[in-house]
Every structure is written in structure tokens, then in C-alpha cells.
Amino acid sequence: MEKVPTMNLAYTAESSRSFDELVDDVQKKIAENGFRVLYVHDVQKTLQDKGFTFPGYKIIELCNAKLAHTVLQADRNIGLMMPCKINVYEREGKRFVAGMLPTLISEMFPEASLGSAPEEVENVITKIIDEVK
């Protein structure tokens, strides 16, 4: 039996821009939109350090304290899906920018009163991706 995804997990866009330019611009746009970059994971370097060949791949963690506080007040387990992330990666010579859709949190925690926080964060993530692609 084939496993069929039940929900769209990410908003993804292909870009003709350079990998490093995308990473830099995502970080700038995060700050311009009232969020903070918490950490940038260099997955390519981590895997290369372990002897694996892997194309460019960075995971950029972002957070807005006010919105994080709102969702964590509703359910502490939502922290398992935090912080939000935007990934910049290369595949088959092409570059992509992708972000998880925070509205999935509402689907995974239907009893939590999250208000408009998931939609607000999702709007920022998709806006950033659209602006940098």
C-alpha cells in the first residue's frame, strides 16, 4: 500500500539566485518582519564533517517571542514544533527556499486556543519566501 501524504507541510519556491545570497536575504527578511534568527544550521557542513557528500543545505531557525508565548500558553507541547524554520537547499543544481506551514499546528493541536498566531506566522514565512526567491 502506498503512503499518501494527508497535508501539505511546506511552502516551497525555486530560485535562480545563488545559495549564499538566498541564505543572507532570508536572514535579513526575517529581521525586517519582526522576527529573530535564533540559529543557522549548516547541514551540508555537518554531514561533510562526518564523511558524507551533500549539496548546500541550511536550516534557519526564526522566532517572534510574542507569538511563541501565545502558542506555548495554549499548549506546551507545541514547543516540539518550534522554533519555526526556513530551509535553503540545493537539489540537482537548483536552489529552493522552503518553510513549514505553521497552520499545521492548529490541525495537530485542535483543542488549543491559538487565535490568529499560526496564520500570522505563516503569512510572514510565505512573504519572506516570496520576497527572496
N, C-alpha and C. Protein backbone atom coordinates (compact mmCIF):
# COMPACT_ATOMS: atom_id res chain seq x y z
N MET A 1 0.85 -1.18 0.00
CA MET A 1 0.00 0.00 0.00
C MET A 1 0.89 1.24 0.00
N GLU A 2 0.57 2.18 -0.86
CA GLU A 2 1.33 3.43 -0.96
C GLU A 2 0.89 4.40 0.11
N LYS A 3 1.85 5.00 0.78
CA LYS A 3 1.55 6.00 1.80
C LYS A 3 1.31 7.34 1.10
N VAL A 4 0.16 7.93 1.34
CA VAL A 4 -0.21 9.19 0.69
C VAL A 4 -0.21 10.29 1.74
N PRO A 5 0.53 11.38 1.48
CA PRO A 5 0.52 12.49 2.45
C PRO A 5 -0.89 13.06 2.59
N THR A 6 -1.26 13.38 3.83
CA THR A 6 -2.60 13.90 4.08
C THR A 6 -2.64 15.41 4.14
N MET A 7 -1.49 16.05 4.27
CA MET A 7 -1.49 17.51 4.34
C MET A 7 -0.23 18.07 3.69
N ASN A 8 -0.35 19.28 3.21
CA ASN A 8 0.80 19.98 2.65
C ASN A 8 1.62 20.52 3.82
N LEU A 9 2.88 20.14 3.92
CA LEU A 9 3.71 20.52 5.05
C LEU A 9 4.48 21.82 4.88
N ALA A 10 4.74 22.20 3.63
CA ALA A 10 5.64 23.33 3.43
C ALA A 10 5.22 24.20 2.25
N TYR A 11 5.68 25.43 2.32
CA TYR A 11 5.58 26.36 1.21
C TYR A 11 6.98 26.44 0.62
N THR A 12 7.14 26.07 -0.64
CA THR A 12 8.45 25.96 -1.27
C THR A 12 8.49 26.74 -2.57
N ALA A 13 9.61 27.41 -2.81
CA ALA A 13 9.80 28.13 -4.06
C ALA A 13 11.20 27.85 -4.59
N GLU A 14 11.30 27.71 -5.90
CA GLU A 14 12.59 27.56 -6.56
C GLU A 14 13.14 28.95 -6.83
N SER A 15 14.47 29.06 -6.82
CA SER A 15 15.10 30.35 -7.07
C SER A 15 16.27 30.19 -8.04
N SER A 16 16.50 31.24 -8.81
CA SER A 16 17.66 31.25 -9.71
C SER A 16 18.84 31.96 -9.04
N ARG A 17 18.63 32.46 -7.83
CA ARG A 17 19.69 33.18 -7.12
C ARG A 17 20.70 32.22 -6.52
N SER A 18 21.85 32.74 -6.11
CA SER A 18 22.88 31.89 -5.52
C SER A 18 22.45 31.42 -4.13
N PHE A 19 23.01 30.30 -3.73
CA PHE A 19 22.70 29.72 -2.43
C PHE A 19 23.01 30.70 -1.30
N ASP A 20 24.23 31.25 -1.29
CA ASP A 20 24.63 32.16 -0.22
C ASP A 20 23.79 33.43 -0.19
N GLU A 21 23.44 33.93 -1.36
CA GLU A 21 22.59 35.11 -1.43
C GLU A 21 21.22 34.83 -0.83
N LEU A 22 20.67 33.66 -1.11
CA LEU A 22 19.38 33.28 -0.54
C LEU A 22 19.45 33.21 0.98
N VAL A 23 20.49 32.57 1.49
CA VAL A 23 20.64 32.44 2.95
C VAL A 23 20.73 33.82 3.59
N ASP A 24 21.56 34.69 3.04
CA ASP A 24 21.71 36.05 3.59
C ASP A 24 20.41 36.82 3.54
N ASP A 25 19.73 36.76 2.41
CA ASP A 25 18.49 37.53 2.26
C ASP A 25 17.36 37.00 3.14
N VAL A 26 17.29 35.70 3.33
CA VAL A 26 16.28 35.15 4.24
C VAL A 26 16.50 35.72 5.64
N GLN A 27 17.74 35.75 6.08
CA GLN A 27 18.03 36.28 7.42
C GLN A 27 17.67 37.76 7.53
N LYS A 28 17.97 38.53 6.50
CA LYS A 28 17.62 39.96 6.51
C LYS A 28 16.11 40.14 6.57
N LYS A 29 15.39 39.37 5.77
CA LYS A 29 13.93 39.50 5.73
C LYS A 29 13.28 39.05 7.04
N ILE A 30 13.88 38.08 7.69
CA ILE A 30 13.36 37.65 8.99
C ILE A 30 13.38 38.83 9.95
N ALA A 31 14.51 39.53 10.02
CA ALA A 31 14.62 40.69 10.91
C ALA A 31 13.68 41.81 10.50
N GLU A 32 13.54 42.05 9.21
CA GLU A 32 12.65 43.11 8.73
C GLU A 32 11.20 42.84 9.07
N ASN A 33 10.86 41.59 9.31
CA ASN A 33 9.47 41.22 9.60
C ASN A 33 9.22 41.00 11.09
N GLY A 34 10.09 41.51 11.95
CA GLY A 34 9.86 41.47 13.38
C GLY A 34 10.16 40.13 14.05
N PHE A 35 10.93 39.30 13.36
CA PHE A 35 11.33 38.02 13.93
C PHE A 35 12.83 38.06 14.18
N ARG A 36 13.33 37.05 14.86
CA ARG A 36 14.75 36.96 15.17
C ARG A 36 15.29 35.63 14.66
N VAL A 37 16.47 35.66 14.09
CA VAL A 37 17.15 34.43 13.71
C VAL A 37 17.78 33.87 14.98
N LEU A 38 17.37 32.65 15.34
CA LEU A 38 17.92 32.03 16.54
C LEU A 38 19.21 31.27 16.24
N TYR A 39 19.23 30.59 15.10
CA TYR A 39 20.40 29.79 14.75
C TYR A 39 20.31 29.40 13.29
N VAL A 40 21.46 29.21 12.67
CA VAL A 40 21.53 28.71 11.30
C VAL A 40 22.32 27.40 11.34
N HIS A 41 21.64 26.32 11.01
CA HIS A 41 22.28 25.00 10.96
C HIS A 41 22.84 24.78 9.56
N ASP A 42 24.13 24.53 9.47
CA ASP A 42 24.77 24.23 8.19
C ASP A 42 24.80 22.71 8.04
N VAL A 43 23.73 22.17 7.49
CA VAL A 43 23.58 20.72 7.37
C VAL A 43 24.65 20.14 6.45
N GLN A 44 24.95 20.85 5.36
CA GLN A 44 25.98 20.38 4.44
C GLN A 44 27.31 20.18 5.17
N LYS A 45 27.73 21.17 5.96
CA LYS A 45 28.99 21.08 6.69
C LYS A 45 28.95 19.96 7.72
N THR A 46 27.88 19.86 8.43
CA THR A 46 27.75 18.81 9.44
C THR A 46 27.91 17.43 8.82
N LEU A 47 27.24 17.21 7.69
CA LEU A 47 27.33 15.91 7.02
C LEU A 47 28.71 15.69 6.41
N GLN A 48 29.29 16.76 5.83
CA GLN A 48 30.64 16.63 5.26
C GLN A 48 31.66 16.29 6.35
N ASP A 49 31.48 16.88 7.54
CA ASP A 49 32.39 16.58 8.66
C ASP A 49 32.33 15.11 9.05
N LYS A 50 31.23 14.45 8.73
CA LYS A 50 31.06 13.02 9.03
C LYS A 50 31.38 12.14 7.82
N GLY A 51 31.89 12.75 6.75
CA GLY A 51 32.32 12.00 5.59
C GLY A 51 31.28 11.81 4.50
N PHE A 52 30.16 12.51 4.60
CA PHE A 52 29.10 12.39 3.59
C PHE A 52 29.17 13.55 2.61
N THR A 53 28.86 13.28 1.36
CA THR A 53 28.75 14.33 0.36
C THR A 53 27.29 14.76 0.31
N PHE A 54 27.08 16.06 0.42
CA PHE A 54 25.71 16.58 0.43
C PHE A 54 25.74 18.00 -0.12
N PRO A 55 24.76 18.36 -0.96
CA PRO A 55 24.73 19.73 -1.50
C PRO A 55 24.36 20.74 -0.42
N GLY A 56 24.45 22.03 -0.77
CA GLY A 56 24.13 23.09 0.16
C GLY A 56 22.77 22.91 0.83
N TYR A 57 22.76 23.04 2.14
CA TYR A 57 21.51 22.90 2.89
C TYR A 57 21.67 23.60 4.23
N LYS A 58 20.90 24.66 4.44
CA LYS A 58 20.92 25.37 5.71
C LYS A 58 19.49 25.48 6.25
N ILE A 59 19.39 25.28 7.54
CA ILE A 59 18.12 25.42 8.25
C ILE A 59 18.23 26.68 9.10
N ILE A 60 17.36 27.63 8.84
CA ILE A 60 17.38 28.92 9.54
C ILE A 60 16.21 28.93 10.53
N GLU A 61 16.54 28.94 11.81
CA GLU A 61 15.51 28.98 12.86
C GLU A 61 15.12 30.42 13.13
N LEU A 62 13.81 30.66 13.20
CA LEU A 62 13.32 32.01 13.45
C LEU A 62 12.24 31.99 14.52
N CYS A 63 12.11 33.12 15.22
CA CYS A 63 11.12 33.19 16.30
C CYS A 63 10.67 34.63 16.51
N ASN A 64 9.43 34.77 16.93
CA ASN A 64 8.87 36.03 17.41
C ASN A 64 8.40 35.72 18.82
N ALA A 65 9.01 36.33 19.82
CA ALA A 65 8.74 35.99 21.22
C ALA A 65 7.27 36.13 21.59
N LYS A 66 6.62 37.18 21.13
CA LYS A 66 5.21 37.41 21.48
C LYS A 66 4.33 36.26 20.96
N LEU A 67 4.55 35.88 19.71
CA LEU A 67 3.74 34.81 19.13
C LEU A 67 4.10 33.45 19.73
N ALA A 68 5.37 33.24 20.02
CA ALA A 68 5.79 31.99 20.67
C ALA A 68 5.13 31.88 22.04
N HIS A 69 5.10 32.96 22.79
CA HIS A 69 4.46 32.96 24.10
C HIS A 69 2.98 32.61 23.99
N THR A 70 2.33 33.17 23.00
CA THR A 70 0.89 32.90 22.79
C THR A 70 0.63 31.41 22.59
N VAL A 71 1.37 30.78 21.69
CA VAL A 71 1.08 29.37 21.39
C VAL A 71 1.54 28.46 22.52
N LEU A 72 2.62 28.80 23.20
CA LEU A 72 3.07 27.97 24.31
C LEU A 72 2.14 28.06 25.51
N GLN A 73 1.46 29.19 25.67
CA GLN A 73 0.46 29.31 26.73
C GLN A 73 -0.71 28.36 26.45
N ALA A 74 -1.01 28.17 25.18
CA ALA A 74 -2.13 27.30 24.80
C ALA A 74 -1.80 25.83 25.03
N ASP A 75 -0.58 25.42 24.71
CA ASP A 75 -0.18 24.02 24.89
C ASP A 75 1.34 23.94 24.83
N ARG A 76 1.95 23.52 25.92
CA ARG A 76 3.42 23.44 26.00
C ARG A 76 4.00 22.48 24.97
N ASN A 77 3.25 21.47 24.55
CA ASN A 77 3.76 20.50 23.57
C ASN A 77 3.95 21.11 22.19
N ILE A 78 3.38 22.28 21.95
CA ILE A 78 3.60 22.94 20.67
C ILE A 78 5.08 23.28 20.51
N GLY A 79 5.79 23.39 21.62
CA GLY A 79 7.23 23.64 21.58
C GLY A 79 8.00 22.57 20.81
N LEU A 80 7.39 21.40 20.64
CA LEU A 80 8.03 20.35 19.84
C LEU A 80 8.14 20.75 18.38
N MET A 81 7.33 21.71 17.96
CA MET A 81 7.33 22.17 16.57
C MET A 81 8.01 23.54 16.42
N MET A 82 8.66 23.97 17.47
CA MET A 82 9.29 25.28 17.47
C MET A 82 10.80 25.13 17.60
N PRO A 83 11.58 26.12 17.21
CA PRO A 83 11.15 27.34 16.53
C PRO A 83 10.78 27.04 15.08
N CYS A 84 10.16 28.01 14.46
CA CYS A 84 9.84 27.89 13.04
C CYS A 84 11.14 27.85 12.24
N LYS A 85 11.08 27.29 11.06
CA LYS A 85 12.28 27.14 10.25
C LYS A 85 12.01 27.50 8.78
N ILE A 86 13.02 28.08 8.18
CA ILE A 86 13.04 28.25 6.73
C ILE A 86 14.31 27.56 6.25
N ASN A 87 14.17 26.66 5.31
CA ASN A 87 15.30 25.92 4.77
C ASN A 87 15.69 26.48 3.40
N VAL A 88 16.98 26.57 3.18
CA VAL A 88 17.53 26.92 1.87
C VAL A 88 18.38 25.72 1.48
N TYR A 89 18.08 25.16 0.30
CA TYR A 89 18.83 23.97 -0.09
C TYR A 89 19.00 23.87 -1.60
N GLU A 90 19.97 23.04 -1.97
CA GLU A 90 20.25 22.76 -3.37
C GLU A 90 19.88 21.31 -3.66
N ARG A 91 19.30 21.12 -4.83
CA ARG A 91 18.96 19.76 -5.27
C ARG A 91 19.04 19.74 -6.78
N GLU A 92 19.87 18.85 -7.29
CA GLU A 92 20.03 18.67 -8.74
C GLU A 92 20.36 19.98 -9.44
N GLY A 93 21.25 20.76 -8.83
CA GLY A 93 21.72 22.01 -9.43
C GLY A 93 20.75 23.18 -9.31
N LYS A 94 19.66 22.98 -8.63
CA LYS A 94 18.68 24.06 -8.43
C LYS A 94 18.65 24.44 -6.96
N ARG A 95 18.17 25.66 -6.68
CA ARG A 95 18.08 26.14 -5.31
C ARG A 95 16.62 26.37 -4.92
N PHE A 96 16.34 26.05 -3.66
CA PHE A 96 14.98 26.14 -3.14
C PHE A 96 14.97 26.82 -1.78
N VAL A 97 13.84 27.46 -1.48
CA VAL A 97 13.58 28.02 -0.16
C VAL A 97 12.25 27.43 0.28
N ALA A 98 12.23 26.87 1.50
CA ALA A 98 11.01 26.21 1.98
C ALA A 98 10.79 26.53 3.45
N GLY A 99 9.52 26.68 3.81
CA GLY A 99 9.17 26.90 5.21
C GLY A 99 7.98 26.05 5.59
N MET A 100 8.02 25.46 6.79
CA MET A 100 6.88 24.69 7.27
C MET A 100 5.70 25.63 7.47
N LEU A 101 4.51 25.12 7.20
CA LEU A 101 3.29 25.92 7.34
C LEU A 101 2.79 25.86 8.78
N PRO A 102 2.92 26.94 9.55
CA PRO A 102 2.51 26.93 10.95
C PRO A 102 1.02 26.65 11.20
N THR A 103 0.19 26.82 10.18
CA THR A 103 -1.22 26.49 10.39
C THR A 103 -1.41 25.00 10.66
N LEU A 104 -0.40 24.19 10.37
CA LEU A 104 -0.46 22.77 10.72
C LEU A 104 -0.55 22.58 12.22
N ILE A 105 -0.02 23.53 12.97
CA ILE A 105 -0.08 23.44 14.43
C ILE A 105 -1.54 23.38 14.88
N SER A 106 -2.38 24.18 14.26
CA SER A 106 -3.81 24.17 14.60
C SER A 106 -4.43 22.81 14.33
N GLU A 107 -3.99 22.16 13.25
CA GLU A 107 -4.52 20.84 12.92
C GLU A 107 -4.01 19.78 13.88
N MET A 108 -2.78 19.93 14.34
CA MET A 108 -2.20 18.93 15.23
C MET A 108 -2.60 19.14 16.69
N PHE A 109 -3.01 20.34 17.03
CA PHE A 109 -3.43 20.67 18.39
C PHE A 109 -4.81 21.33 18.33
N PRO A 110 -5.84 20.59 17.90
CA PRO A 110 -7.15 21.20 17.68
C PRO A 110 -7.81 21.75 18.95
N GLU A 111 -7.41 21.26 20.11
CA GLU A 111 -8.01 21.73 21.36
C GLU A 111 -7.38 23.02 21.87
N ALA A 112 -6.22 23.37 21.34
CA ALA A 112 -5.50 24.56 21.80
C ALA A 112 -6.14 25.82 21.21
N SER A 113 -6.24 26.83 22.02
CA SER A 113 -6.78 28.12 21.56
C SER A 113 -5.61 28.98 21.10
N LEU A 114 -5.33 28.91 19.81
CA LEU A 114 -4.15 29.59 19.28
C LEU A 114 -4.45 30.95 18.67
N GLY A 115 -5.71 31.27 18.54
CA GLY A 115 -6.06 32.55 17.92
C GLY A 115 -5.51 32.62 16.50
N SER A 116 -5.06 33.80 16.13
CA SER A 116 -4.56 34.00 14.77
C SER A 116 -3.05 33.79 14.65
N ALA A 117 -2.39 33.39 15.74
CA ALA A 117 -0.92 33.27 15.73
C ALA A 117 -0.39 32.38 14.60
N PRO A 118 -0.93 31.17 14.38
CA PRO A 118 -0.39 30.35 13.30
C PRO A 118 -0.51 31.01 11.92
N GLU A 119 -1.63 31.66 11.67
CA GLU A 119 -1.82 32.34 10.39
C GLU A 119 -0.87 33.52 10.25
N GLU A 120 -0.66 34.26 11.35
CA GLU A 120 0.26 35.40 11.31
C GLU A 120 1.67 34.94 10.95
N VAL A 121 2.13 33.88 11.59
CA VAL A 121 3.48 33.39 11.33
C VAL A 121 3.57 32.83 9.91
N GLU A 122 2.55 32.11 9.50
CA GLU A 122 2.56 31.55 8.14
C GLU A 122 2.61 32.66 7.10
N ASN A 123 1.87 33.72 7.32
CA ASN A 123 1.90 34.85 6.38
C ASN A 123 3.30 35.45 6.28
N VAL A 124 4.00 35.54 7.40
CA VAL A 124 5.36 36.09 7.39
C VAL A 124 6.30 35.14 6.65
N ILE A 125 6.21 33.85 6.94
CA ILE A 125 7.09 32.87 6.30
C ILE A 125 6.89 32.87 4.79
N THR A 126 5.64 32.84 4.35
CA THR A 126 5.40 32.80 2.90
C THR A 126 5.82 34.12 2.25
N LYS A 127 5.63 35.23 2.95
CA LYS A 127 6.06 36.54 2.44
C LYS A 127 7.58 36.56 2.26
N ILE A 128 8.31 36.07 3.26
CA ILE A 128 9.76 36.04 3.17
C ILE A 128 10.20 35.21 1.97
N ILE A 129 9.61 34.04 1.82
CA ILE A 129 9.99 33.15 0.72
C ILE A 129 9.69 33.81 -0.62
N ASP A 130 8.53 34.44 -0.73
CA ASP A 130 8.18 35.13 -1.97
C ASP A 130 9.13 36.28 -2.28
N GLU A 131 9.58 36.98 -1.25
CA GLU A 131 10.45 38.14 -1.46
C GLU A 131 11.88 37.76 -1.83
N VAL A 132 12.34 36.60 -1.39
CA VAL A 132 13.74 36.25 -1.66
C VAL A 132 13.92 35.35 -2.88
N LYS A 133 12.87 34.73 -3.35
CA LYS A 133 13.02 33.72 -4.41
C LYS A 133 13.54 34.26 -5.72
